[in-house]
Amino acid sequence: MKKHYQLGYHPMRYCKRYKYPGFTLIETLLVIALIGILIGLTLPYLAGARDKAREVSGLSLIRGHGQILQMYSADYAGFFPVIGHPDRPTTIRVGGREFDLHYWHAEFQWVFALAEQYYDGRIGHPSLFPPGYHGDSSPFKYTESYLATSDFWAPETRTGRQQWRAVPAALTAYPSAKGLLTSWAGKVPVPGRLYTYSFPDDMLQETAFVDGSARTIVLRDFLPWMRTGEGDYPGRKTQPLGWPVLHTMHGAVGRDIE
């Protein structure tokens, strides 16, 4: 059937044209730029929140391990862990494996001595590794203050081997200022560069104290410590390195913070 149209009339001429909504290229680029700016502003806060969460978690863990060391002291006549022997290593069996414990390796081998009784026989117990840390050994390092007399931990009175002996926890003069454990090993940005890396003064160290407390301490806020650590001795193959808490000036009767 033919349709007849008036002169000059066409049906599509008067059809309503719809504009579909959309963005121009410039508008799209502006939105992308704004999103980038917002992400740039937000990321530092997200990173800060993540770091704070790790710090809180690490602080909680190190406090718990400090309390385990106190339990050890109560179980072993008032002494904190002393491993090995000053003159020779002691072989122990943990988790079906044998390990040689060395007297001056107590800072990281303390876990081996406590594993069977306090960590379900696991030297790799999950609580020994805070979130974000991927090292092979726990970053929680144990003080060596109780492995030698207080005279050994002062440059002017150190004489050497005859001062190496277990010191009872009861000799602690400042329990709330004397550290038991500290966490710093995981803060070396390049693994294996411990002896060549310069730690910043504002670096944070989670630290557990003899009184059972735990705090995060800025490196520069520690009191002076024995810079030569435990010093040189036969068989040692690395340069002596001192560190706060590990090598407290005056040992058990000294303190790490004001």
Foldseek 3Di string as FASTA:
>chain_A
DDDDDDPPDDVVVPDDDDDDDDDDPVRVVVVVVVVVVVCVVCVVVVVVVVVVVLVVLLLVLQLVVLVVQVVVCVVPVQFGDFAADQVAWDWDAFPNDIDTHHRVVCQFCVLVVCCVPPPVSDQVRVSQDTPPFDDPTRQKTFACLQQFALLCFAVVRNDDDVRGHGHGLVLQQDQVFQFGIKGDQRVPPDPPCVPPDDDDQQDWMWTATNVSHIDIDRNVQWDDFRQQQSHDDPPDDDGRGDGANRGHNSRRHGGTHD
